[in-house]
Amino acid sequence: MDTRKIDIANIFLMLISCVLAFVLPFELFLFSYAVLGPLHYLTEITWLKKRDYFTNGKKDYIWLVLPCVALSFITLIDRYNNLPIVSSIYTTVNSVFGDKL
């Protein structure tokens, strides 16, 4: 197919989607969520693999997980500092970092 035919097909598919959204809004939402979402995810994965977006090393995930765990830990300590278990940790972290949290 050439580009013009693909453009025309896309226009008609968008018009059909618009009509379906007016006629069956909730059912179309469920279909989009249950079927089209996972299909888009699968196509996105192959697109990312072609561009070498993923890490190659076996332990590379550590550099992504460590900052997330540290930020989550700091946020939870600040939020739950009144619990007896957390209060001593909060005091220690607060003495190290001060009121910057």
N, C-alpha and C. Protein backbone atom coordinates (compact mmCIF):
# COMPACT_ATOMS: atom_id res chain seq x y z
N MET A 1 0.85 -1.20 0.00
CA MET A 1 0.00 0.00 0.00
C MET A 1 0.88 1.24 0.00
N ASP A 2 0.43 2.23 -0.75
CA ASP A 2 1.17 3.48 -0.74
C ASP A 2 0.66 4.38 0.39
N THR A 3 1.33 5.48 0.58
CA THR A 3 1.03 6.37 1.70
C THR A 3 -0.36 6.96 1.62
N ARG A 4 -0.81 7.28 0.42
CA ARG A 4 -2.15 7.88 0.27
C ARG A 4 -3.24 6.91 0.70
N LYS A 5 -3.11 5.65 0.32
CA LYS A 5 -4.13 4.66 0.72
C LYS A 5 -4.13 4.44 2.23
N ILE A 6 -2.95 4.45 2.81
CA ILE A 6 -2.86 4.29 4.28
C ILE A 6 -3.50 5.49 4.97
N ASP A 7 -3.26 6.69 4.46
CA ASP A 7 -3.87 7.88 5.04
C ASP A 7 -5.40 7.83 4.95
N ILE A 8 -5.91 7.43 3.82
CA ILE A 8 -7.37 7.33 3.64
C ILE A 8 -7.95 6.27 4.58
N ALA A 9 -7.27 5.13 4.69
CA ALA A 9 -7.74 4.08 5.61
C ALA A 9 -7.74 4.58 7.04
N ASN A 10 -6.71 5.32 7.43
CA ASN A 10 -6.65 5.86 8.79
C ASN A 10 -7.76 6.87 9.05
N ILE A 11 -8.07 7.69 8.07
CA ILE A 11 -9.15 8.67 8.22
C ILE A 11 -10.48 7.95 8.44
N PHE A 12 -10.75 6.93 7.62
CA PHE A 12 -12.01 6.19 7.79
C PHE A 12 -12.06 5.45 9.12
N LEU A 13 -10.95 4.90 9.54
CA LEU A 13 -10.93 4.21 10.84
C LEU A 13 -11.16 5.20 11.99
N MET A 14 -10.63 6.42 11.88
CA MET A 14 -10.89 7.42 12.92
C MET A 14 -12.36 7.85 12.92
N LEU A 15 -12.95 7.99 11.75
CA LEU A 15 -14.37 8.35 11.70
C LEU A 15 -15.24 7.24 12.29
N ILE A 16 -14.92 5.99 11.97
CA ILE A 16 -15.66 4.86 12.54
C ILE A 16 -15.50 4.84 14.06
N SER A 17 -14.30 5.10 14.55
CA SER A 17 -14.06 5.15 15.99
C SER A 17 -14.86 6.27 16.65
N CYS A 18 -14.95 7.40 15.97
CA CYS A 18 -15.72 8.52 16.51
C CYS A 18 -17.20 8.16 16.62
N VAL A 19 -17.75 7.55 15.59
CA VAL A 19 -19.16 7.14 15.63
C VAL A 19 -19.39 6.12 16.73
N LEU A 20 -18.48 5.13 16.85
CA LEU A 20 -18.62 4.13 17.91
C LEU A 20 -18.51 4.75 19.30
N ALA A 21 -17.68 5.76 19.45
CA ALA A 21 -17.54 6.41 20.75
C ALA A 21 -18.82 7.13 21.15
N PHE A 22 -19.55 7.66 20.18
CA PHE A 22 -20.81 8.30 20.50
C PHE A 22 -21.91 7.28 20.77
N VAL A 23 -21.90 6.17 20.05
CA VAL A 23 -22.95 5.17 20.18
C VAL A 23 -22.72 4.26 21.40
N LEU A 24 -21.52 3.79 21.57
CA LEU A 24 -21.17 2.84 22.64
C LEU A 24 -19.98 3.35 23.46
N PRO A 25 -20.14 4.42 24.22
CA PRO A 25 -18.95 5.00 24.87
C PRO A 25 -18.31 4.05 25.89
N PHE A 26 -19.09 3.43 26.75
CA PHE A 26 -18.50 2.59 27.80
C PHE A 26 -17.95 1.30 27.22
N GLU A 27 -18.67 0.68 26.30
CA GLU A 27 -18.22 -0.56 25.70
C GLU A 27 -16.93 -0.34 24.89
N LEU A 28 -16.86 0.78 24.21
CA LEU A 28 -15.66 1.09 23.44
C LEU A 28 -14.48 1.33 24.37
N PHE A 29 -14.74 1.98 25.50
CA PHE A 29 -13.68 2.18 26.48
C PHE A 29 -13.17 0.84 27.00
N LEU A 30 -14.07 -0.08 27.32
CA LEU A 30 -13.65 -1.39 27.80
C LEU A 30 -12.86 -2.15 26.74
N PHE A 31 -13.32 -2.09 25.49
CA PHE A 31 -12.60 -2.75 24.40
C PHE A 31 -11.21 -2.15 24.24
N SER A 32 -11.12 -0.84 24.28
CA SER A 32 -9.83 -0.18 24.13
C SER A 32 -8.89 -0.55 25.27
N TYR A 33 -9.44 -0.58 26.46
CA TYR A 33 -8.62 -0.88 27.63
C TYR A 33 -8.17 -2.34 27.64
N ALA A 34 -9.06 -3.26 27.28
CA ALA A 34 -8.77 -4.69 27.39
C ALA A 34 -8.02 -5.24 26.19
N VAL A 35 -8.25 -4.71 24.99
CA VAL A 35 -7.67 -5.30 23.78
C VAL A 35 -6.59 -4.40 23.18
N LEU A 36 -6.93 -3.17 22.92
CA LEU A 36 -5.98 -2.31 22.21
C LEU A 36 -4.80 -1.89 23.08
N GLY A 37 -5.01 -1.73 24.37
CA GLY A 37 -3.92 -1.37 25.27
C GLY A 37 -2.80 -2.40 25.27
N PRO A 38 -3.12 -3.67 25.55
CA PRO A 38 -2.05 -4.68 25.50
C PRO A 38 -1.42 -4.85 24.13
N LEU A 39 -2.21 -4.70 23.06
CA LEU A 39 -1.63 -4.79 21.72
C LEU A 39 -0.63 -3.67 21.48
N HIS A 40 -0.97 -2.47 21.93
CA HIS A 40 -0.04 -1.34 21.79
C HIS A 40 1.22 -1.59 22.60
N TYR A 41 1.06 -2.16 23.78
CA TYR A 41 2.21 -2.45 24.62
C TYR A 41 3.13 -3.45 23.93
N LEU A 42 2.57 -4.50 23.33
CA LEU A 42 3.39 -5.50 22.65
C LEU A 42 4.14 -4.91 21.46
N THR A 43 3.49 -4.04 20.70
CA THR A 43 4.17 -3.43 19.57
C THR A 43 5.23 -2.45 20.05
N GLU A 44 4.99 -1.81 21.16
CA GLU A 44 5.97 -0.86 21.70
C GLU A 44 7.23 -1.59 22.18
N ILE A 45 7.07 -2.78 22.73
CA ILE A 45 8.22 -3.55 23.20
C ILE A 45 9.15 -3.89 22.04
N THR A 46 8.60 -4.34 20.93
CA THR A 46 9.46 -4.68 19.79
C THR A 46 10.12 -3.42 19.23
N TRP A 47 9.43 -2.32 19.25
CA TRP A 47 10.00 -1.05 18.77
C TRP A 47 11.17 -0.65 19.64
N LEU A 48 11.02 -0.80 20.97
CA LEU A 48 12.11 -0.44 21.87
C LEU A 48 13.29 -1.40 21.75
N LYS A 49 13.02 -2.68 21.52
CA LYS A 49 14.11 -3.65 21.37
C LYS A 49 14.93 -3.37 20.11
N LYS A 50 14.27 -2.94 19.04
CA LYS A 50 14.99 -2.62 17.81
C LYS A 50 15.97 -1.48 18.02
N ARG A 51 15.63 -0.56 18.90
CA ARG A 51 16.46 0.61 19.13
C ARG A 51 17.41 0.44 20.31
N ASP A 52 17.56 -0.77 20.81
CA ASP A 52 18.44 -1.07 21.95
C ASP A 52 18.16 -0.17 23.14
N TYR A 53 16.89 -0.01 23.46
CA TYR A 53 16.50 0.85 24.59
C TYR A 53 16.77 0.16 25.93
N PHE A 54 16.70 -1.17 25.94
CA PHE A 54 16.85 -1.91 27.18
C PHE A 54 18.31 -2.08 27.53
N THR A 55 18.59 -2.29 28.81
CA THR A 55 19.96 -2.51 29.23
C THR A 55 20.40 -3.92 28.87
N ASN A 56 21.69 -4.11 28.74
CA ASN A 56 22.22 -5.40 28.32
C ASN A 56 22.82 -6.20 29.47
N GLY A 57 23.30 -5.54 30.51
CA GLY A 57 23.95 -6.23 31.62
C GLY A 57 22.94 -6.89 32.55
N LYS A 58 23.40 -7.93 33.25
CA LYS A 58 22.49 -8.64 34.15
C LYS A 58 22.20 -7.84 35.42
N LYS A 59 23.11 -7.00 35.84
CA LYS A 59 22.94 -6.25 37.10
C LYS A 59 22.61 -4.77 36.86
N ASP A 60 22.27 -4.41 35.64
CA ASP A 60 21.98 -3.00 35.34
C ASP A 60 20.73 -2.50 36.04
N TYR A 61 19.83 -3.39 36.39
CA TYR A 61 18.59 -2.97 37.04
C TYR A 61 18.86 -2.34 38.40
N ILE A 62 19.99 -2.66 39.01
CA ILE A 62 20.30 -2.14 40.34
C ILE A 62 20.38 -0.62 40.31
N TRP A 63 20.96 -0.06 39.25
CA TRP A 63 21.09 1.40 39.15
C TRP A 63 19.75 2.09 38.94
N LEU A 64 18.74 1.34 38.57
CA LEU A 64 17.39 1.90 38.43
C LEU A 64 16.58 1.70 39.72
N VAL A 65 16.83 0.59 40.40
CA VAL A 65 16.04 0.26 41.59
C VAL A 65 16.53 1.04 42.81
N LEU A 66 17.83 1.21 42.96
CA LEU A 66 18.37 1.87 44.15
C LEU A 66 17.82 3.30 44.37
N PRO A 67 17.82 4.17 43.37
CA PRO A 67 17.25 5.50 43.61
C PRO A 67 15.76 5.45 43.93
N CYS A 68 15.03 4.54 43.30
CA CYS A 68 13.59 4.42 43.57
C CYS A 68 13.35 3.99 45.01
N VAL A 69 14.11 3.01 45.47
CA VAL A 69 13.96 2.54 46.85
C VAL A 69 14.36 3.63 47.82
N ALA A 70 15.44 4.33 47.55
CA ALA A 70 15.90 5.40 48.44
C ALA A 70 14.86 6.52 48.54
N LEU A 71 14.32 6.95 47.41
CA LEU A 71 13.32 8.01 47.43
C LEU A 71 12.03 7.56 48.12
N SER A 72 11.64 6.32 47.87
CA SER A 72 10.45 5.80 48.55
C SER A 72 10.67 5.72 50.05
N PHE A 73 11.84 5.26 50.45
CA PHE A 73 12.17 5.16 51.86
C PHE A 73 12.13 6.52 52.54
N ILE A 74 12.74 7.52 51.92
CA ILE A 74 12.75 8.87 52.50
C ILE A 74 11.33 9.43 52.59
N THR A 75 10.53 9.21 51.57
CA THR A 75 9.16 9.71 51.57
C THR A 75 8.34 9.03 52.66
N LEU A 76 8.47 7.73 52.79
CA LEU A 76 7.69 7.01 53.80
C LEU A 76 8.15 7.35 55.22
N ILE A 77 9.44 7.55 55.41
CA ILE A 77 9.92 7.95 56.74
C ILE A 77 9.34 9.30 57.12
N ASP A 78 9.34 10.23 56.18
CA ASP A 78 8.80 11.56 56.48
C ASP A 78 7.30 11.51 56.74
N ARG A 79 6.60 10.64 56.06
CA ARG A 79 5.16 10.57 56.21
C ARG A 79 4.75 9.86 57.50
N TYR A 80 5.47 8.81 57.86
CA TYR A 80 5.07 7.99 59.01
C TYR A 80 6.04 8.14 60.18
N ASN A 81 6.52 9.35 60.41
CA ASN A 81 7.50 9.56 61.47
C ASN A 81 6.92 9.44 62.88
N ASN A 82 5.61 9.39 63.03
CA ASN A 82 5.02 9.29 64.35
C ASN A 82 4.85 7.85 64.82
N LEU A 83 5.12 6.87 63.98
CA LEU A 83 5.04 5.47 64.40
C LEU A 83 6.27 5.13 65.23
N PRO A 84 6.12 4.29 66.24
CA PRO A 84 7.25 3.99 67.12
C PRO A 84 8.43 3.33 66.39
N ILE A 85 8.14 2.48 65.45
CA ILE A 85 9.22 1.79 64.73
C ILE A 85 9.99 2.77 63.85
N VAL A 86 9.29 3.71 63.29
CA VAL A 86 9.89 4.63 62.32
C VAL A 86 10.51 5.85 62.99
N SER A 87 10.08 6.18 64.20
CA SER A 87 10.53 7.43 64.82
C SER A 87 12.03 7.48 65.03
N SER A 88 12.66 6.35 65.42
CA SER A 88 14.11 6.37 65.62
C SER A 88 14.84 6.53 64.29
N ILE A 89 14.32 5.88 63.25
CA ILE A 89 14.93 6.03 61.92
C ILE A 89 14.75 7.47 61.44
N TYR A 90 13.57 8.02 61.69
CA TYR A 90 13.31 9.40 61.27
C TYR A 90 14.25 10.37 61.97
N THR A 91 14.49 10.15 63.25
CA THR A 91 15.39 11.02 63.99
C THR A 91 16.80 10.94 63.42
N THR A 92 17.25 9.74 63.10
CA THR A 92 18.59 9.57 62.53
C THR A 92 18.70 10.23 61.16
N VAL A 93 17.73 9.98 60.30
CA VAL A 93 17.75 10.57 58.96
C VAL A 93 17.64 12.08 59.04
N ASN A 94 16.83 12.58 59.95
CA ASN A 94 16.65 14.02 60.09
C ASN A 94 17.92 14.69 60.63
N SER A 95 18.65 13.98 61.50
CA SER A 95 19.90 14.56 62.01
C SER A 95 20.98 14.58 60.93
N VAL A 96 20.93 13.62 60.01
CA VAL A 96 21.92 13.59 58.93
C VAL A 96 21.61 14.61 57.86
N PHE A 97 20.37 14.66 57.42
CA PHE A 97 19.99 15.52 56.31
C PHE A 97 19.37 16.85 56.75
N GLY A 98 18.96 16.96 57.98
CA GLY A 98 18.33 18.19 58.46
C GLY A 98 16.90 18.29 57.97
N ASP A 99 16.41 19.51 57.84
CA ASP A 99 15.03 19.74 57.42
C ASP A 99 14.90 19.82 55.90
N LYS A 100 15.85 19.27 55.18
CA LYS A 100 15.82 19.32 53.72
C LYS A 100 14.87 18.29 53.13
N LEU A 101 14.40 17.36 53.94
CA LEU A 101 13.50 16.32 53.42
C LEU A 101 12.18 16.89 53.16
